[in-house]
Amino acid sequence: MSPAAPAYRRLSVEERRSQLLEAALSLFAHRVPEDVSLDDVAEAAGVSRPLVYRYFPGGKQQLYEAALRTAADELRHCFDEPHEGPPLPRLARALDRYLTFVGRHDAGFSALLQGGSVVETSRTTAIVDGVRRAAAERIYSHLDVADPGPRLRMTVRMWITAVEAASLIWLDEDKQPPADELRDWLVDQFVAVLAVTAERDAQTAELLRGALAAET
């Protein structure tokens, strides 16, 4: 007797929506948004185009924004790290997760940060800015700073911008240097920009001394 075919299971609304988002994210990871059609998403998910419209009646724009929010949530979680041990190794572990995300999403990450997409709107820009703000808040938390002053806020935000720029260049350079070397360099950059700010800001000087003392 031939084995029985597996029973068909109808997906729930949430399961189907997750399936479509996963297919869309996979496509957006390797192609810029304007090069991805709803037909592409339907084919990748193994469903019909009308079914995609049923879950995303706003079409490609709604699907892209939903996929972007999913990616943004994953990026935010990159900076989720237990408050245990010295702060700089914690930052290194967060960067490991961040660079893994960048490497996995490749072209989609470039399109996301560089903008200029036909599907870019004020809402998509707000989603990306929300990730940056969340990353900054996580960094303040790991530095045990409840009320960062303007110089420290500017320093952290400048470093986050530098990390994004380095990530884009890293992709253009075929992911060279290796991710672990890039991670260590970015951590050193963070210490360096803190040291420059510390010359002009007592709050930054105090937290830098604490961070370096924790390393010894």
N, C-alpha and C. Protein backbone atom coordinates (compact mmCIF):
# COMPACT_ATOMS: atom_id res chain seq x y z
N MET A 1 0.84 -1.19 0.00
CA MET A 1 0.00 0.00 0.00
C MET A 1 0.89 1.25 0.00
N SER A 2 0.49 2.23 -0.81
CA SER A 2 1.25 3.48 -0.83
C SER A 2 0.85 4.31 0.38
N PRO A 3 1.81 5.07 0.92
CA PRO A 3 1.51 5.88 2.10
C PRO A 3 0.44 6.91 1.79
N ALA A 4 -0.41 7.14 2.76
CA ALA A 4 -1.48 8.12 2.58
C ALA A 4 -0.91 9.51 2.45
N ALA A 5 -1.52 10.32 1.60
CA ALA A 5 -1.08 11.70 1.45
C ALA A 5 -1.40 12.46 2.73
N PRO A 6 -0.52 13.38 3.11
CA PRO A 6 -0.78 14.15 4.32
C PRO A 6 -2.08 14.94 4.20
N ALA A 7 -2.80 15.00 5.28
CA ALA A 7 -4.09 15.70 5.27
C ALA A 7 -3.86 17.20 5.07
N TYR A 8 -4.71 17.81 4.27
CA TYR A 8 -4.62 19.24 4.02
C TYR A 8 -5.10 20.00 5.25
N ARG A 9 -4.32 21.01 5.66
CA ARG A 9 -4.72 21.82 6.80
C ARG A 9 -4.89 23.26 6.36
N ARG A 10 -6.07 23.77 6.59
CA ARG A 10 -6.36 25.15 6.22
C ARG A 10 -5.66 26.09 7.20
N LEU A 11 -4.93 27.04 6.67
CA LEU A 11 -4.21 27.97 7.53
C LEU A 11 -5.16 28.98 8.14
N SER A 12 -4.86 29.37 9.37
CA SER A 12 -5.64 30.42 10.01
C SER A 12 -5.29 31.76 9.35
N VAL A 13 -6.04 32.78 9.67
CA VAL A 13 -5.81 34.10 9.10
C VAL A 13 -4.39 34.58 9.44
N GLU A 14 -4.00 34.43 10.70
CA GLU A 14 -2.67 34.88 11.11
C GLU A 14 -1.57 34.05 10.46
N GLU A 15 -1.79 32.75 10.36
CA GLU A 15 -0.79 31.89 9.72
C GLU A 15 -0.62 32.25 8.25
N ARG A 16 -1.72 32.49 7.56
CA ARG A 16 -1.63 32.86 6.15
C ARG A 16 -0.95 34.20 5.98
N ARG A 17 -1.31 35.15 6.83
CA ARG A 17 -0.69 36.47 6.75
C ARG A 17 0.82 36.36 7.00
N SER A 18 1.21 35.57 7.99
CA SER A 18 2.64 35.37 8.28
C SER A 18 3.35 34.72 7.11
N GLN A 19 2.67 33.78 6.45
CA GLN A 19 3.25 33.11 5.29
C GLN A 19 3.53 34.12 4.17
N LEU A 20 2.56 35.01 3.92
CA LEU A 20 2.73 36.00 2.87
C LEU A 20 3.83 37.00 3.21
N LEU A 21 3.90 37.41 4.48
CA LEU A 21 4.95 38.34 4.90
C LEU A 21 6.32 37.70 4.79
N GLU A 22 6.42 36.44 5.15
CA GLU A 22 7.70 35.74 5.05
C GLU A 22 8.15 35.67 3.59
N ALA A 23 7.22 35.38 2.69
CA ALA A 23 7.55 35.34 1.27
C ALA A 23 8.00 36.72 0.78
N ALA A 24 7.28 37.76 1.21
CA ALA A 24 7.63 39.11 0.79
C ALA A 24 8.99 39.52 1.33
N LEU A 25 9.26 39.22 2.58
CA LEU A 25 10.55 39.57 3.19
C LEU A 25 11.69 38.88 2.47
N SER A 26 11.48 37.62 2.09
CA SER A 26 12.52 36.89 1.36
C SER A 26 12.83 37.57 0.03
N LEU A 27 11.80 38.05 -0.65
CA LEU A 27 12.00 38.73 -1.93
C LEU A 27 12.64 40.10 -1.73
N PHE A 28 12.14 40.87 -0.76
CA PHE A 28 12.69 42.20 -0.50
C PHE A 28 14.13 42.13 0.01
N ALA A 29 14.53 40.98 0.55
CA ALA A 29 15.89 40.82 1.06
C ALA A 29 16.92 40.81 -0.08
N HIS A 30 16.48 40.41 -1.26
CA HIS A 30 17.43 40.25 -2.35
C HIS A 30 17.14 41.12 -3.57
N ARG A 31 16.01 41.83 -3.53
CA ARG A 31 15.67 42.71 -4.63
C ARG A 31 15.10 44.01 -4.08
N VAL A 32 15.36 45.10 -4.75
CA VAL A 32 14.81 46.38 -4.29
C VAL A 32 13.29 46.33 -4.43
N PRO A 33 12.56 47.06 -3.59
CA PRO A 33 11.10 46.94 -3.55
C PRO A 33 10.41 47.15 -4.89
N GLU A 34 10.89 48.11 -5.70
CA GLU A 34 10.20 48.38 -6.96
C GLU A 34 10.33 47.23 -7.96
N ASP A 35 11.27 46.31 -7.70
CA ASP A 35 11.44 45.16 -8.61
C ASP A 35 10.63 43.94 -8.17
N VAL A 36 9.87 44.07 -7.08
CA VAL A 36 9.06 42.96 -6.57
C VAL A 36 7.59 43.25 -6.85
N SER A 37 6.90 42.33 -7.50
CA SER A 37 5.48 42.50 -7.80
C SER A 37 4.64 41.60 -6.90
N LEU A 38 3.35 41.86 -6.86
CA LEU A 38 2.45 40.99 -6.10
C LEU A 38 2.42 39.59 -6.69
N ASP A 39 2.59 39.49 -7.99
CA ASP A 39 2.68 38.17 -8.62
C ASP A 39 3.88 37.41 -8.10
N ASP A 40 4.99 38.11 -7.91
CA ASP A 40 6.20 37.47 -7.36
C ASP A 40 5.93 36.93 -5.97
N VAL A 41 5.25 37.74 -5.15
CA VAL A 41 4.95 37.32 -3.78
C VAL A 41 4.01 36.12 -3.79
N ALA A 42 2.99 36.18 -4.65
CA ALA A 42 2.03 35.07 -4.74
C ALA A 42 2.74 33.78 -5.15
N GLU A 43 3.63 33.89 -6.13
CA GLU A 43 4.36 32.70 -6.59
C GLU A 43 5.26 32.14 -5.50
N ALA A 44 5.96 33.03 -4.79
CA ALA A 44 6.86 32.59 -3.73
C ALA A 44 6.10 31.91 -2.60
N ALA A 45 4.87 32.37 -2.34
CA ALA A 45 4.07 31.80 -1.25
C ALA A 45 3.25 30.61 -1.72
N GLY A 46 3.21 30.38 -3.05
CA GLY A 46 2.42 29.27 -3.57
C GLY A 46 0.93 29.51 -3.49
N VAL A 47 0.53 30.77 -3.67
CA VAL A 47 -0.90 31.11 -3.61
C VAL A 47 -1.25 31.95 -4.84
N SER A 48 -2.51 32.32 -4.94
CA SER A 48 -2.97 33.13 -6.07
C SER A 48 -2.82 34.62 -5.75
N ARG A 49 -2.74 35.43 -6.79
CA ARG A 49 -2.68 36.88 -6.61
C ARG A 49 -3.91 37.42 -5.87
N PRO A 50 -5.15 36.96 -6.21
CA PRO A 50 -6.31 37.45 -5.47
C PRO A 50 -6.23 37.17 -3.98
N LEU A 51 -5.58 36.06 -3.60
CA LEU A 51 -5.46 35.76 -2.16
C LEU A 51 -4.56 36.78 -1.48
N VAL A 52 -3.49 37.19 -2.17
CA VAL A 52 -2.61 38.23 -1.60
C VAL A 52 -3.41 39.51 -1.39
N TYR A 53 -4.24 39.86 -2.36
CA TYR A 53 -5.07 41.07 -2.24
C TYR A 53 -6.09 40.94 -1.12
N ARG A 54 -6.55 39.72 -0.88
CA ARG A 54 -7.52 39.53 0.20
C ARG A 54 -6.91 39.92 1.55
N TYR A 55 -5.64 39.59 1.73
CA TYR A 55 -4.99 39.88 3.01
C TYR A 55 -4.36 41.27 3.03
N PHE A 56 -4.03 41.78 1.84
CA PHE A 56 -3.43 43.11 1.75
C PHE A 56 -4.15 43.89 0.65
N PRO A 57 -5.38 44.36 0.96
CA PRO A 57 -6.20 45.05 -0.06
C PRO A 57 -5.56 46.33 -0.55
N GLY A 58 -4.63 46.88 0.22
CA GLY A 58 -3.92 48.08 -0.23
C GLY A 58 -2.84 47.77 -1.24
N GLY A 59 -2.71 46.51 -1.62
CA GLY A 59 -1.75 46.14 -2.65
C GLY A 59 -0.31 46.13 -2.17
N LYS A 60 0.57 46.39 -3.08
CA LYS A 60 2.01 46.28 -2.81
C LYS A 60 2.48 47.23 -1.71
N GLN A 61 1.92 48.45 -1.69
CA GLN A 61 2.34 49.41 -0.67
C GLN A 61 2.04 48.90 0.73
N GLN A 62 0.83 48.38 0.93
CA GLN A 62 0.46 47.86 2.24
C GLN A 62 1.32 46.65 2.61
N LEU A 63 1.56 45.78 1.64
CA LEU A 63 2.38 44.61 1.90
C LEU A 63 3.81 45.00 2.24
N TYR A 64 4.35 45.97 1.51
CA TYR A 64 5.73 46.42 1.78
C TYR A 64 5.84 47.02 3.18
N GLU A 65 4.88 47.85 3.55
CA GLU A 65 4.94 48.47 4.88
C GLU A 65 4.82 47.42 5.97
N ALA A 66 3.96 46.42 5.77
CA ALA A 66 3.82 45.35 6.76
C ALA A 66 5.11 44.54 6.86
N ALA A 67 5.73 44.25 5.71
CA ALA A 67 7.00 43.52 5.73
C ALA A 67 8.09 44.35 6.39
N LEU A 68 8.07 45.65 6.14
CA LEU A 68 9.06 46.54 6.73
C LEU A 68 8.92 46.58 8.25
N ARG A 69 7.68 46.61 8.73
CA ARG A 69 7.47 46.59 10.18
C ARG A 69 8.00 45.29 10.80
N THR A 70 7.80 44.18 10.09
CA THR A 70 8.30 42.90 10.59
C THR A 70 9.83 42.94 10.66
N ALA A 71 10.47 43.45 9.62
CA ALA A 71 11.93 43.56 9.62
C ALA A 71 12.40 44.53 10.70
N ALA A 72 11.67 45.62 10.90
CA ALA A 72 12.03 46.60 11.92
C ALA A 72 11.97 45.99 13.31
N ASP A 73 10.95 45.18 13.54
CA ASP A 73 10.84 44.51 14.85
C ASP A 73 12.04 43.60 15.09
N GLU A 74 12.47 42.90 14.03
CA GLU A 74 13.63 42.02 14.18
C GLU A 74 14.89 42.83 14.45
N LEU A 75 15.02 43.97 13.77
CA LEU A 75 16.18 44.83 14.00
C LEU A 75 16.21 45.37 15.43
N ARG A 76 15.05 45.75 15.94
CA ARG A 76 15.00 46.23 17.33
C ARG A 76 15.48 45.16 18.29
N HIS A 77 15.09 43.92 18.02
CA HIS A 77 15.47 42.83 18.92
C HIS A 77 16.97 42.55 18.87
N CYS A 78 17.66 43.03 17.82
CA CYS A 78 19.11 42.85 17.76
C CYS A 78 19.80 43.48 18.98
N PHE A 79 19.19 44.54 19.50
CA PHE A 79 19.81 45.27 20.60
C PHE A 79 19.26 44.84 21.96
N ASP A 80 18.45 43.79 21.97
CA ASP A 80 17.97 43.23 23.23
C ASP A 80 19.07 42.36 23.82
N GLU A 81 19.62 42.77 24.92
CA GLU A 81 20.74 42.07 25.53
C GLU A 81 20.60 42.15 27.04
N PRO A 82 20.77 41.04 27.76
CA PRO A 82 20.68 41.09 29.22
C PRO A 82 21.68 42.09 29.81
N HIS A 83 21.27 42.77 30.85
CA HIS A 83 22.14 43.74 31.51
C HIS A 83 23.09 43.01 32.46
N GLU A 84 23.93 42.20 31.89
CA GLU A 84 24.90 41.43 32.67
C GLU A 84 26.28 41.57 32.05
N GLY A 85 27.28 41.76 32.89
CA GLY A 85 28.63 41.89 32.38
C GLY A 85 28.93 43.30 31.90
N PRO A 86 30.16 43.53 31.42
CA PRO A 86 30.57 44.85 30.94
C PRO A 86 29.75 45.30 29.73
N PRO A 87 29.57 46.62 29.58
CA PRO A 87 28.71 47.11 28.49
C PRO A 87 29.27 46.91 27.09
N LEU A 88 30.60 46.98 26.92
CA LEU A 88 31.15 46.87 25.57
C LEU A 88 30.97 45.47 24.97
N PRO A 89 31.19 44.39 25.72
CA PRO A 89 30.86 43.06 25.16
C PRO A 89 29.38 42.91 24.84
N ARG A 90 28.52 43.56 25.61
CA ARG A 90 27.09 43.52 25.29
C ARG A 90 26.85 44.18 23.93
N LEU A 91 27.50 45.33 23.71
CA LEU A 91 27.36 46.02 22.44
C LEU A 91 27.88 45.15 21.29
N ALA A 92 28.98 44.44 21.53
CA ALA A 92 29.54 43.57 20.50
C ALA A 92 28.55 42.47 20.13
N ARG A 93 27.89 41.90 21.12
CA ARG A 93 26.92 40.84 20.83
C ARG A 93 25.73 41.39 20.05
N ALA A 94 25.31 42.61 20.39
CA ALA A 94 24.20 43.24 19.65
C ALA A 94 24.61 43.48 18.20
N LEU A 95 25.85 43.91 17.99
CA LEU A 95 26.34 44.14 16.63
C LEU A 95 26.45 42.83 15.85
N ASP A 96 26.79 41.75 16.53
CA ASP A 96 26.81 40.44 15.85
C ASP A 96 25.44 40.14 15.26
N ARG A 97 24.40 40.36 16.05
CA ARG A 97 23.04 40.08 15.56
C ARG A 97 22.65 41.05 14.44
N TYR A 98 23.05 42.31 14.60
CA TYR A 98 22.74 43.33 13.60
C TYR A 98 23.39 42.98 12.26
N LEU A 99 24.67 42.62 12.28
CA LEU A 99 25.37 42.31 11.04
C LEU A 99 24.86 41.02 10.41
N THR A 100 24.40 40.09 11.24
CA THR A 100 23.77 38.88 10.70
C THR A 100 22.50 39.25 9.94
N PHE A 101 21.73 40.17 10.52
CA PHE A 101 20.50 40.65 9.85
C PHE A 101 20.86 41.32 8.53
N VAL A 102 21.85 42.22 8.56
CA VAL A 102 22.27 42.94 7.35
C VAL A 102 22.70 41.96 6.27
N GLY A 103 23.50 40.98 6.64
CA GLY A 103 23.99 40.02 5.67
C GLY A 103 22.88 39.18 5.08
N ARG A 104 21.87 38.90 5.88
CA ARG A 104 20.77 38.05 5.42
C ARG A 104 19.81 38.80 4.51
N HIS A 105 19.68 40.12 4.71
CA HIS A 105 18.70 40.89 3.94
C HIS A 105 19.33 41.70 2.81
N ASP A 106 20.61 41.83 2.82
CA ASP A 106 21.39 42.32 1.68
C ASP A 106 20.74 43.49 0.92
N ALA A 107 20.25 43.22 -0.31
CA ALA A 107 19.72 44.30 -1.16
C ALA A 107 18.55 45.02 -0.50
N GLY A 108 17.73 44.27 0.22
CA GLY A 108 16.60 44.89 0.90
C GLY A 108 17.05 45.87 1.96
N PHE A 109 18.12 45.54 2.67
CA PHE A 109 18.66 46.44 3.69
C PHE A 109 19.18 47.71 3.03
N SER A 110 19.88 47.57 1.91
CA SER A 110 20.39 48.74 1.19
C SER A 110 19.25 49.65 0.74
N ALA A 111 18.21 49.06 0.17
CA ALA A 111 17.07 49.86 -0.28
C ALA A 111 16.39 50.55 0.88
N LEU A 112 16.31 49.85 2.00
CA LEU A 112 15.66 50.38 3.18
C LEU A 112 16.36 51.63 3.68
N LEU A 113 17.69 51.61 3.78
CA LEU A 113 18.42 52.73 4.34
C LEU A 113 18.70 53.84 3.33
N GLN A 114 18.90 53.47 2.09
CA GLN A 114 19.26 54.48 1.10
C GLN A 114 18.05 55.23 0.57
N GLY A 115 16.85 54.65 0.74
CA GLY A 115 15.64 55.34 0.30
C GLY A 115 15.57 55.45 -1.21
N GLY A 116 14.71 56.32 -1.67
CA GLY A 116 14.56 56.52 -3.09
C GLY A 116 13.64 55.51 -3.75
N SER A 117 13.05 54.63 -3.00
CA SER A 117 12.17 53.63 -3.57
C SER A 117 10.83 54.26 -3.93
N VAL A 118 10.19 53.69 -4.95
CA VAL A 118 8.88 54.21 -5.34
C VAL A 118 7.84 53.93 -4.27
N VAL A 119 8.13 53.01 -3.36
CA VAL A 119 7.17 52.71 -2.32
C VAL A 119 7.53 53.40 -0.99
N GLU A 120 8.53 54.28 -1.02
CA GLU A 120 8.90 55.00 0.19
C GLU A 120 7.87 56.09 0.48
N THR A 121 7.42 56.16 1.72
CA THR A 121 6.46 57.17 2.16
C THR A 121 6.89 57.69 3.51
N SER A 122 6.14 58.66 4.03
CA SER A 122 6.43 59.17 5.37
C SER A 122 6.27 58.06 6.41
N ARG A 123 5.37 57.11 6.14
CA ARG A 123 5.17 56.00 7.09
C ARG A 123 6.37 55.07 7.09
N THR A 124 6.91 54.74 5.90
CA THR A 124 8.08 53.86 5.88
C THR A 124 9.29 54.54 6.49
N THR A 125 9.42 55.85 6.25
CA THR A 125 10.53 56.60 6.86
C THR A 125 10.40 56.59 8.38
N ALA A 126 9.18 56.73 8.89
CA ALA A 126 8.95 56.72 10.34
C ALA A 126 9.30 55.36 10.94
N ILE A 127 9.04 54.28 10.20
CA ILE A 127 9.38 52.94 10.69
C ILE A 127 10.89 52.81 10.85
N VAL A 128 11.65 53.28 9.85
CA VAL A 128 13.11 53.19 9.91
C VAL A 128 13.65 54.07 11.03
N ASP A 129 13.12 55.29 11.15
CA ASP A 129 13.58 56.18 12.22
C ASP A 129 13.26 55.59 13.59
N GLY A 130 12.15 54.86 13.69
CA GLY A 130 11.80 54.23 14.95
C GLY A 130 12.84 53.20 15.37
N VAL A 131 13.42 52.48 14.41
CA VAL A 131 14.48 51.52 14.72
C VAL A 131 15.70 52.25 15.26
N ARG A 132 16.05 53.37 14.65
CA ARG A 132 17.21 54.14 15.11
C ARG A 132 17.00 54.65 16.53
N ARG A 133 15.80 55.16 16.80
CA ARG A 133 15.53 55.67 18.15
C ARG A 133 15.56 54.53 19.17
N ALA A 134 15.01 53.38 18.79
CA ALA A 134 15.02 52.24 19.70
C ALA A 134 16.44 51.79 19.99
N ALA A 135 17.30 51.77 18.96
CA ALA A 135 18.70 51.38 19.16
C ALA A 135 19.39 52.34 20.11
N ALA A 136 19.14 53.64 19.94
CA ALA A 136 19.74 54.63 20.83
C ALA A 136 19.28 54.43 22.28
N GLU A 137 18.01 54.17 22.47
CA GLU A 137 17.49 53.97 23.82
C GLU A 137 18.12 52.73 24.47
N ARG A 138 18.32 51.66 23.67
CA ARG A 138 18.96 50.46 24.21
C ARG A 138 20.38 50.76 24.64
N ILE A 139 21.08 51.56 23.84
CA ILE A 139 22.47 51.90 24.18
C ILE A 139 22.53 52.72 25.46
N TYR A 140 21.64 53.70 25.61
CA TYR A 140 21.62 54.48 26.85
C TYR A 140 21.37 53.55 28.04
N SER A 141 20.47 52.60 27.85
CA SER A 141 20.15 51.68 28.93
C SER A 141 21.36 50.85 29.33
N HIS A 142 22.10 50.35 28.33
CA HIS A 142 23.28 49.54 28.64
C HIS A 142 24.40 50.37 29.27
N LEU A 143 24.37 51.66 29.02
CA LEU A 143 25.35 52.55 29.64
C LEU A 143 24.87 53.06 31.00
N ASP A 144 23.67 52.62 31.40
CA ASP A 144 23.07 53.04 32.67
C ASP A 144 22.89 54.56 32.74
N VAL A 145 22.45 55.13 31.63
CA VAL A 145 22.19 56.57 31.56
C VAL A 145 20.69 56.77 31.41
N ALA A 146 20.08 57.33 32.44
CA ALA A 146 18.63 57.54 32.41
C ALA A 146 18.26 58.84 31.69
N ASP A 147 19.13 59.83 31.76
CA ASP A 147 18.81 61.14 31.18
C ASP A 147 20.03 61.65 30.40
N PRO A 148 20.24 61.15 29.18
CA PRO A 148 21.41 61.58 28.41
C PRO A 148 21.32 63.05 28.01
N GLY A 149 22.43 63.73 28.13
CA GLY A 149 22.48 65.13 27.73
C GLY A 149 22.60 65.26 26.22
N PRO A 150 22.53 66.49 25.72
CA PRO A 150 22.53 66.70 24.27
C PRO A 150 23.80 66.21 23.58
N ARG A 151 24.95 66.37 24.20
CA ARG A 151 26.19 65.92 23.55
C ARG A 151 26.24 64.40 23.46
N LEU A 152 25.82 63.74 24.52
CA LEU A 152 25.82 62.28 24.49
C LEU A 152 24.79 61.77 23.48
N ARG A 153 23.62 62.38 23.46
CA ARG A 153 22.61 61.96 22.49
C ARG A 153 23.12 62.12 21.06
N MET A 154 23.77 63.25 20.80
CA MET A 154 24.30 63.48 19.46
C MET A 154 25.38 62.45 19.12
N THR A 155 26.23 62.14 20.09
CA THR A 155 27.32 61.18 19.87
C THR A 155 26.77 59.80 19.52
N VAL A 156 25.79 59.35 20.28
CA VAL A 156 25.21 58.02 20.04
C VAL A 156 24.51 57.99 18.69
N ARG A 157 23.76 59.03 18.38
CA ARG A 157 23.05 59.05 17.09
C ARG A 157 24.03 59.11 15.93
N MET A 158 25.13 59.86 16.09
CA MET A 158 26.15 59.90 15.03
C MET A 158 26.76 58.52 14.83
N TRP A 159 27.00 57.81 15.94
CA TRP A 159 27.60 56.48 15.82
C TRP A 159 26.64 55.51 15.13
N ILE A 160 25.35 55.59 15.45
CA ILE A 160 24.37 54.72 14.79
C ILE A 160 24.36 54.99 13.29
N THR A 161 24.45 56.27 12.89
CA THR A 161 24.54 56.62 11.48
C THR A 161 25.79 56.02 10.85
N ALA A 162 26.91 56.07 11.59
CA ALA A 162 28.16 55.50 11.09
C ALA A 162 28.04 53.99 10.92
N VAL A 163 27.35 53.32 11.84
CA VAL A 163 27.15 51.87 11.73
C VAL A 163 26.34 51.55 10.48
N GLU A 164 25.30 52.33 10.22
CA GLU A 164 24.49 52.11 9.02
C GLU A 164 25.33 52.30 7.76
N ALA A 165 26.12 53.37 7.73
CA ALA A 165 26.95 53.64 6.56
C ALA A 165 27.98 52.53 6.36
N ALA A 166 28.60 52.09 7.45
CA ALA A 166 29.58 51.00 7.36
C ALA A 166 28.92 49.72 6.86
N SER A 167 27.69 49.47 7.27
CA SER A 167 26.98 48.27 6.83
C SER A 167 26.73 48.28 5.33
N LEU A 168 26.34 49.45 4.80
CA LEU A 168 26.10 49.57 3.36
C LEU A 168 27.40 49.39 2.57
N ILE A 169 28.48 49.99 3.06
CA ILE A 169 29.78 49.84 2.39
C ILE A 169 30.23 48.38 2.45
N TRP A 170 29.99 47.74 3.61
CA TRP A 170 30.35 46.33 3.79
C TRP A 170 29.65 45.46 2.75
N LEU A 171 28.38 45.74 2.48
CA LEU A 171 27.67 44.98 1.46
C LEU A 171 28.25 45.24 0.08
N ASP A 172 28.59 46.51 -0.20
CA ASP A 172 29.19 46.85 -1.49
C ASP A 172 30.55 46.18 -1.68
N GLU A 173 31.24 45.95 -0.57
CA GLU A 173 32.58 45.35 -0.62
C GLU A 173 32.53 43.83 -0.47
N ASP A 174 31.39 43.24 -0.83
CA ASP A 174 31.22 41.77 -0.75
C ASP A 174 31.48 41.24 0.67
N LYS A 175 30.97 42.02 1.66
CA LYS A 175 31.04 41.63 3.07
C LYS A 175 32.47 41.41 3.56
N GLN A 176 33.32 42.33 3.14
CA GLN A 176 34.69 42.37 3.61
C GLN A 176 34.94 43.70 4.31
N PRO A 177 35.63 43.73 5.42
CA PRO A 177 36.28 42.61 6.12
C PRO A 177 35.25 41.66 6.71
N PRO A 178 35.71 40.50 7.25
CA PRO A 178 34.77 39.57 7.89
C PRO A 178 33.96 40.26 8.97
N ALA A 179 32.77 39.74 9.22
CA ALA A 179 31.82 40.39 10.14
C ALA A 179 32.42 40.59 11.53
N ASP A 180 33.19 39.63 12.03
CA ASP A 180 33.73 39.78 13.38
C ASP A 180 34.75 40.92 13.45
N GLU A 181 35.51 41.11 12.36
CA GLU A 181 36.46 42.23 12.34
C GLU A 181 35.71 43.56 12.26
N LEU A 182 34.66 43.61 11.45
CA LEU A 182 33.86 44.83 11.36
C LEU A 182 33.22 45.15 12.70
N ARG A 183 32.71 44.13 13.37
CA ARG A 183 32.10 44.33 14.68
C ARG A 183 33.10 44.96 15.65
N ASP A 184 34.29 44.39 15.74
CA ASP A 184 35.29 44.91 16.68
C ASP A 184 35.68 46.34 16.34
N TRP A 185 35.78 46.62 15.05
CA TRP A 185 36.13 47.98 14.62
C TRP A 185 35.04 48.97 15.00
N LEU A 186 33.77 48.56 14.86
CA LEU A 186 32.66 49.44 15.22
C LEU A 186 32.61 49.70 16.72
N VAL A 187 32.93 48.69 17.52
CA VAL A 187 33.00 48.90 18.97
C VAL A 187 34.12 49.88 19.30
N ASP A 188 35.28 49.72 18.65
CA ASP A 188 36.39 50.65 18.87
C ASP A 188 36.00 52.06 18.46
N GLN A 189 35.24 52.17 17.36
CA GLN A 189 34.76 53.47 16.92
C GLN A 189 33.86 54.11 17.98
N PHE A 190 33.03 53.29 18.60
CA PHE A 190 32.13 53.80 19.63
C PHE A 190 32.93 54.38 20.80
N VAL A 191 33.93 53.64 21.23
CA VAL A 191 34.78 54.13 22.32
C VAL A 191 35.48 55.41 21.90
N ALA A 192 35.94 55.47 20.65
CA ALA A 192 36.67 56.64 20.18
C ALA A 192 35.79 57.89 20.16
N VAL A 193 34.56 57.77 19.66
CA VAL A 193 33.70 58.96 19.61
C VAL A 193 33.26 59.37 21.01
N LEU A 194 33.11 58.40 21.91
CA LEU A 194 32.83 58.75 23.30
C LEU A 194 34.00 59.52 23.90
N ALA A 195 35.22 59.09 23.58
CA ALA A 195 36.41 59.75 24.13
C ALA A 195 36.50 61.20 23.65
N VAL A 196 36.16 61.44 22.38
CA VAL A 196 36.19 62.81 21.86
C VAL A 196 35.15 63.67 22.57
N THR A 197 33.95 63.13 22.74
CA THR A 197 32.88 63.88 23.42
C THR A 197 33.23 64.08 24.89
N ALA A 198 33.89 63.12 25.49
CA ALA A 198 34.25 63.20 26.91
C ALA A 198 35.14 64.40 27.21
N GLU A 199 35.90 64.85 26.20
CA GLU A 199 36.75 66.03 26.39
C GLU A 199 35.93 67.29 26.61
N ARG A 200 34.65 67.23 26.22
CA ARG A 200 33.80 68.42 26.28
C ARG A 200 32.54 68.23 27.12
N ASP A 201 32.36 67.02 27.66
CA ASP A 201 31.11 66.73 28.35
C ASP A 201 31.38 65.84 29.56
N ALA A 202 31.06 66.34 30.73
CA ALA A 202 31.36 65.61 31.97
C ALA A 202 30.56 64.31 32.06
N GLN A 203 29.32 64.32 31.61
CA GLN A 203 28.50 63.11 31.68
C GLN A 203 29.12 61.98 30.86
N THR A 204 29.55 62.31 29.64
CA THR A 204 30.17 61.30 28.79
C THR A 204 31.50 60.83 29.38
N ALA A 205 32.26 61.74 29.95
CA ALA A 205 33.54 61.37 30.57
C ALA A 205 33.34 60.38 31.70
N GLU A 206 32.31 60.60 32.50
CA GLU A 206 32.05 59.71 33.64
C GLU A 206 31.64 58.31 33.16
N LEU A 207 30.75 58.25 32.19
CA LEU A 207 30.29 56.92 31.75
C LEU A 207 31.39 56.20 30.98
N LEU A 208 32.26 56.94 30.28
CA LEU A 208 33.38 56.30 29.58
C LEU A 208 34.35 55.69 30.57
N ARG A 209 34.63 56.40 31.64
CA ARG A 209 35.51 55.84 32.68
C ARG A 209 34.92 54.56 33.24
N GLY A 210 33.61 54.57 33.47
CA GLY A 210 32.94 53.38 34.01
C GLY A 210 32.98 52.22 33.04
N ALA A 211 32.76 52.50 31.76
CA ALA A 211 32.76 51.44 30.74
C ALA A 211 34.15 50.82 30.61
N LEU A 212 35.18 51.66 30.61
CA LEU A 212 36.54 51.14 30.47
C LEU A 212 36.98 50.41 31.73
N ALA A 213 36.56 50.92 32.91
CA ALA A 213 36.93 50.24 34.16
C ALA A 213 36.31 48.86 34.21
N ALA A 214 35.12 48.69 33.66
CA ALA A 214 34.44 47.38 33.67
C ALA A 214 35.16 46.37 32.80
N GLU A 215 36.00 46.86 31.88
CA GLU A 215 36.74 45.96 30.98
C GLU A 215 37.99 45.39 31.64
N THR A 216 38.46 46.02 32.72
CA THR A 216 39.70 45.57 33.36
C THR A 216 39.43 44.58 34.47
